[in-house]
């Protein structure tokens, strides 16, 4: 399953909690209904914030755990070094809080 973030949230700016919730819901539904790999595509985004990532990705790690997500969720087209580091920090914080 390929999920293009900008298409789901309808914007090139991923900055709001509610947008993150939309992504979380899409991924969680797929995790619950199928064993297929989920490809989360960050292409076309101009801005990604912590608030968005906490709700989109952080909640996944709290609810599903590292092992399941590392096996099923793949990230692509996140190339900005700052965005990559922010994503890593969100995942680390979520795993520590779980």
N, C-alpha and C. Protein backbone atom coordinates (compact mmCIF):
# COMPACT_ATOMS: atom_id res chain seq x y z
N UNK A 1 0.85 -1.17 0.00
CA UNK A 1 0.00 0.00 0.00
C UNK A 1 0.89 1.23 0.00
N UNK A 2 0.62 2.16 -0.89
CA UNK A 2 1.39 3.39 -1.00
C UNK A 2 0.53 4.57 -0.53
N UNK A 3 0.98 5.27 0.50
CA UNK A 3 0.27 6.42 1.03
C UNK A 3 1.09 7.68 0.78
N UNK A 4 0.58 8.58 -0.04
CA UNK A 4 1.25 9.84 -0.33
C UNK A 4 0.66 10.89 0.61
N UNK A 5 1.48 11.37 1.52
CA UNK A 5 0.98 12.25 2.58
C UNK A 5 0.28 13.48 2.02
N UNK A 6 0.90 14.18 1.08
CA UNK A 6 0.29 15.43 0.58
C UNK A 6 -1.08 15.19 -0.06
N UNK A 7 -1.28 14.01 -0.63
CA UNK A 7 -2.59 13.70 -1.22
C UNK A 7 -3.64 13.45 -0.13
N UNK A 8 -3.23 12.83 0.95
CA UNK A 8 -4.17 12.52 2.03
C UNK A 8 -4.56 13.77 2.80
N UNK A 9 -3.56 14.63 3.09
CA UNK A 9 -3.86 15.83 3.89
C UNK A 9 -4.30 17.01 3.02
N UNK A 10 -4.11 16.89 1.71
CA UNK A 10 -4.53 17.96 0.80
C UNK A 10 -3.70 19.21 0.90
N UNK A 11 -2.42 19.07 1.24
CA UNK A 11 -1.56 20.23 1.42
C UNK A 11 -0.10 19.83 1.27
N UNK A 12 0.74 20.81 0.93
CA UNK A 12 2.19 20.59 0.90
C UNK A 12 2.83 20.92 2.24
N UNK A 13 2.01 21.35 3.18
CA UNK A 13 2.47 21.71 4.52
C UNK A 13 1.86 20.74 5.52
N UNK A 14 2.72 19.94 6.15
CA UNK A 14 2.27 18.96 7.16
C UNK A 14 2.63 19.52 8.52
N UNK A 15 1.71 20.31 9.08
CA UNK A 15 2.05 21.05 10.29
C UNK A 15 1.07 20.89 11.44
N UNK A 16 -0.07 20.31 11.21
CA UNK A 16 -1.11 20.30 12.24
C UNK A 16 -1.36 18.90 12.80
N UNK A 17 -1.75 18.86 14.07
CA UNK A 17 -2.08 17.60 14.73
C UNK A 17 -3.13 16.82 13.95
N UNK A 18 -4.15 17.54 13.47
CA UNK A 18 -5.26 16.89 12.77
C UNK A 18 -4.79 16.21 11.48
N UNK A 19 -3.83 16.82 10.81
CA UNK A 19 -3.27 16.20 9.61
C UNK A 19 -2.54 14.90 9.99
N UNK A 20 -1.81 14.95 11.09
CA UNK A 20 -1.14 13.75 11.57
C UNK A 20 -2.13 12.66 11.91
N UNK A 21 -3.26 13.05 12.48
CA UNK A 21 -4.30 12.06 12.81
C UNK A 21 -4.82 11.36 11.55
N UNK A 22 -4.96 12.11 10.46
CA UNK A 22 -5.41 11.50 9.20
C UNK A 22 -4.43 10.42 8.73
N UNK A 23 -3.15 10.71 8.83
CA UNK A 23 -2.13 9.73 8.41
C UNK A 23 -2.13 8.55 9.36
N UNK A 24 -2.20 8.82 10.66
CA UNK A 24 -2.26 7.74 11.65
C UNK A 24 -3.42 6.80 11.35
N UNK A 25 -4.60 7.37 11.11
CA UNK A 25 -5.79 6.56 10.85
C UNK A 25 -5.62 5.68 9.61
N UNK A 26 -5.04 6.23 8.55
CA UNK A 26 -4.81 5.46 7.32
C UNK A 26 -3.87 4.28 7.59
N UNK A 27 -2.77 4.57 8.27
CA UNK A 27 -1.78 3.52 8.54
C UNK A 27 -2.34 2.48 9.51
N UNK A 28 -2.98 2.93 10.57
CA UNK A 28 -3.54 2.01 11.57
C UNK A 28 -4.56 1.07 10.94
N UNK A 29 -5.41 1.61 10.07
CA UNK A 29 -6.40 0.77 9.38
C UNK A 29 -5.71 -0.30 8.56
N UNK A 30 -4.67 0.08 7.85
CA UNK A 30 -3.93 -0.89 7.03
C UNK A 30 -3.23 -1.93 7.90
N UNK A 31 -2.64 -1.50 9.00
CA UNK A 31 -1.97 -2.44 9.91
C UNK A 31 -2.95 -3.45 10.48
N UNK A 32 -4.16 -3.00 10.77
CA UNK A 32 -5.17 -3.86 11.38
C UNK A 32 -5.82 -4.82 10.38
N UNK A 33 -5.91 -4.42 9.13
CA UNK A 33 -6.67 -5.20 8.14
C UNK A 33 -5.82 -6.07 7.23
N UNK A 34 -4.52 -5.82 7.19
CA UNK A 34 -3.69 -6.49 6.19
C UNK A 34 -2.28 -6.72 6.73
N UNK A 35 -1.57 -7.61 6.09
CA UNK A 35 -0.16 -7.84 6.42
C UNK A 35 0.76 -7.18 5.40
N UNK A 36 0.19 -6.43 4.47
CA UNK A 36 0.97 -5.82 3.39
C UNK A 36 1.88 -4.72 3.92
N UNK A 37 2.98 -4.52 3.21
CA UNK A 37 3.90 -3.43 3.52
C UNK A 37 3.22 -2.10 3.23
N UNK A 38 3.48 -1.12 4.07
CA UNK A 38 2.92 0.21 3.90
C UNK A 38 4.07 1.15 3.54
N UNK A 39 3.95 1.83 2.42
CA UNK A 39 4.96 2.76 1.96
C UNK A 39 4.44 4.17 2.19
N UNK A 40 5.06 4.89 3.11
CA UNK A 40 4.64 6.25 3.45
C UNK A 40 5.53 7.23 2.68
N UNK A 41 4.91 7.96 1.76
CA UNK A 41 5.64 8.80 0.81
C UNK A 41 5.54 10.28 1.22
N UNK A 42 6.69 10.87 1.50
CA UNK A 42 6.77 12.27 1.92
C UNK A 42 6.98 13.22 0.74
N UNK A 43 6.92 12.73 -0.49
CA UNK A 43 7.22 13.58 -1.65
C UNK A 43 6.25 14.75 -1.74
N UNK A 44 6.79 15.89 -2.19
CA UNK A 44 5.98 17.08 -2.42
C UNK A 44 5.71 17.93 -1.20
N UNK A 45 6.16 17.50 -0.02
CA UNK A 45 5.94 18.29 1.19
C UNK A 45 7.00 19.38 1.30
N UNK A 46 6.56 20.57 1.63
CA UNK A 46 7.47 21.71 1.80
C UNK A 46 7.83 21.95 3.26
N UNK A 47 6.97 21.50 4.17
CA UNK A 47 7.21 21.71 5.61
C UNK A 47 6.62 20.53 6.38
N UNK A 48 7.41 20.04 7.33
CA UNK A 48 6.97 18.96 8.21
C UNK A 48 7.28 19.39 9.64
N UNK A 49 6.28 19.35 10.53
CA UNK A 49 6.50 19.79 11.90
C UNK A 49 6.44 18.63 12.89
N UNK A 50 6.94 18.90 14.08
CA UNK A 50 6.89 17.91 15.16
C UNK A 50 5.45 17.55 15.50
N UNK A 51 4.57 18.53 15.54
CA UNK A 51 3.17 18.26 15.88
C UNK A 51 2.56 17.24 14.91
N UNK A 52 2.83 17.42 13.63
CA UNK A 52 2.34 16.48 12.62
C UNK A 52 2.94 15.10 12.84
N UNK A 53 4.26 15.03 12.97
CA UNK A 53 4.93 13.73 13.10
C UNK A 53 4.55 13.00 14.39
N UNK A 54 4.36 13.74 15.47
CA UNK A 54 3.94 13.09 16.72
C UNK A 54 2.63 12.34 16.54
N UNK A 55 1.68 12.96 15.86
CA UNK A 55 0.38 12.33 15.68
C UNK A 55 0.39 11.28 14.57
N UNK A 56 1.16 11.52 13.51
CA UNK A 56 1.18 10.60 12.38
C UNK A 56 2.03 9.36 12.67
N UNK A 57 3.20 9.55 13.25
CA UNK A 57 4.17 8.47 13.41
C UNK A 57 4.36 8.09 14.88
N UNK A 58 4.50 9.07 15.74
CA UNK A 58 4.74 8.79 17.16
C UNK A 58 3.66 7.91 17.77
N UNK A 59 2.41 8.22 17.49
CA UNK A 59 1.30 7.40 18.03
C UNK A 59 1.35 5.97 17.53
N UNK A 60 1.84 5.78 16.31
CA UNK A 60 1.97 4.41 15.78
C UNK A 60 2.94 3.60 16.62
N UNK A 61 4.08 4.20 16.95
CA UNK A 61 5.08 3.47 17.74
C UNK A 61 4.57 3.19 19.15
N UNK A 62 3.77 4.09 19.69
CA UNK A 62 3.18 3.85 21.02
C UNK A 62 2.17 2.72 20.97
N UNK A 63 1.39 2.65 19.88
CA UNK A 63 0.29 1.68 19.79
C UNK A 63 0.68 0.33 19.19
N UNK A 64 1.65 0.32 18.28
CA UNK A 64 1.97 -0.91 17.56
C UNK A 64 3.36 -1.47 17.84
N UNK A 65 4.24 -0.64 18.35
CA UNK A 65 5.58 -1.10 18.70
C UNK A 65 6.57 -1.10 17.54
N UNK A 66 7.82 -1.06 17.93
CA UNK A 66 8.92 -0.95 16.97
C UNK A 66 9.01 -2.14 16.02
N UNK A 67 8.89 -3.34 16.54
CA UNK A 67 9.09 -4.53 15.71
C UNK A 67 8.08 -4.59 14.56
N UNK A 68 6.82 -4.40 14.88
CA UNK A 68 5.78 -4.47 13.83
C UNK A 68 5.98 -3.36 12.80
N UNK A 69 6.26 -2.16 13.27
CA UNK A 69 6.41 -1.04 12.33
C UNK A 69 7.68 -1.16 11.50
N UNK A 70 8.76 -1.62 12.10
CA UNK A 70 9.99 -1.78 11.33
C UNK A 70 9.83 -2.82 10.23
N UNK A 71 8.97 -3.80 10.45
CA UNK A 71 8.72 -4.83 9.45
C UNK A 71 7.73 -4.39 8.37
N UNK A 72 6.81 -3.52 8.72
CA UNK A 72 5.70 -3.21 7.81
C UNK A 72 5.70 -1.80 7.23
N UNK A 73 6.22 -0.83 7.97
CA UNK A 73 6.15 0.57 7.53
C UNK A 73 7.48 1.01 6.93
N UNK A 74 7.43 1.46 5.70
CA UNK A 74 8.62 1.96 5.01
C UNK A 74 8.39 3.43 4.66
N UNK A 75 9.44 4.22 4.83
CA UNK A 75 9.38 5.65 4.59
C UNK A 75 10.17 5.95 3.32
N UNK A 76 9.61 6.82 2.46
CA UNK A 76 10.37 7.22 1.28
C UNK A 76 10.17 8.70 0.99
N UNK A 77 11.13 9.24 0.28
CA UNK A 77 11.12 10.63 -0.19
C UNK A 77 11.10 11.66 0.94
N UNK A 78 11.76 11.35 2.03
CA UNK A 78 12.03 12.35 3.06
C UNK A 78 13.53 12.58 3.00
N UNK A 79 13.93 13.66 2.34
CA UNK A 79 15.33 13.86 2.01
C UNK A 79 16.00 14.99 2.77
N UNK A 80 15.24 15.94 3.27
CA UNK A 80 15.82 17.04 4.03
C UNK A 80 16.42 16.49 5.32
N UNK A 81 17.68 16.80 5.56
CA UNK A 81 18.38 16.24 6.72
C UNK A 81 17.67 16.62 8.03
N UNK A 82 17.17 17.84 8.12
CA UNK A 82 16.46 18.26 9.31
C UNK A 82 15.18 17.47 9.53
N UNK A 83 14.46 17.19 8.44
CA UNK A 83 13.23 16.40 8.54
C UNK A 83 13.52 14.96 8.96
N UNK A 84 14.61 14.40 8.43
CA UNK A 84 15.00 13.04 8.79
C UNK A 84 15.34 12.97 10.28
N UNK A 85 16.10 13.94 10.76
CA UNK A 85 16.46 13.97 12.18
C UNK A 85 15.23 14.16 13.06
N UNK A 86 14.30 15.00 12.62
CA UNK A 86 13.06 15.22 13.37
C UNK A 86 12.25 13.93 13.46
N UNK A 87 12.15 13.21 12.36
CA UNK A 87 11.44 11.93 12.34
C UNK A 87 12.09 10.94 13.30
N UNK A 88 13.41 10.85 13.28
CA UNK A 88 14.12 9.95 14.19
C UNK A 88 13.85 10.31 15.64
N UNK A 89 13.86 11.61 15.95
CA UNK A 89 13.61 12.07 17.31
C UNK A 89 12.19 11.73 17.76
N UNK A 90 11.22 11.93 16.89
CA UNK A 90 9.82 11.60 17.22
C UNK A 90 9.68 10.11 17.51
N UNK A 91 10.31 9.27 16.69
CA UNK A 91 10.24 7.82 16.89
C UNK A 91 10.91 7.44 18.21
N UNK A 92 12.08 7.99 18.47
CA UNK A 92 12.80 7.69 19.71
C UNK A 92 11.98 8.09 20.93
N UNK A 93 11.42 9.28 20.91
CA UNK A 93 10.61 9.75 22.03
C UNK A 93 9.37 8.88 22.23
N UNK A 94 8.74 8.48 21.14
CA UNK A 94 7.54 7.63 21.24
C UNK A 94 7.88 6.27 21.82
N UNK A 95 9.01 5.70 21.43
CA UNK A 95 9.40 4.39 21.95
C UNK A 95 9.75 4.47 23.43
N UNK A 96 10.36 5.57 23.85
CA UNK A 96 10.69 5.75 25.27
C UNK A 96 9.43 5.92 26.10
N UNK A 97 8.41 6.55 25.53
CA UNK A 97 7.17 6.80 26.25
C UNK A 97 6.27 5.57 26.29
N UNK A 98 6.51 4.62 25.40
CA UNK A 98 5.64 3.43 25.31
C UNK A 98 5.85 2.50 26.48
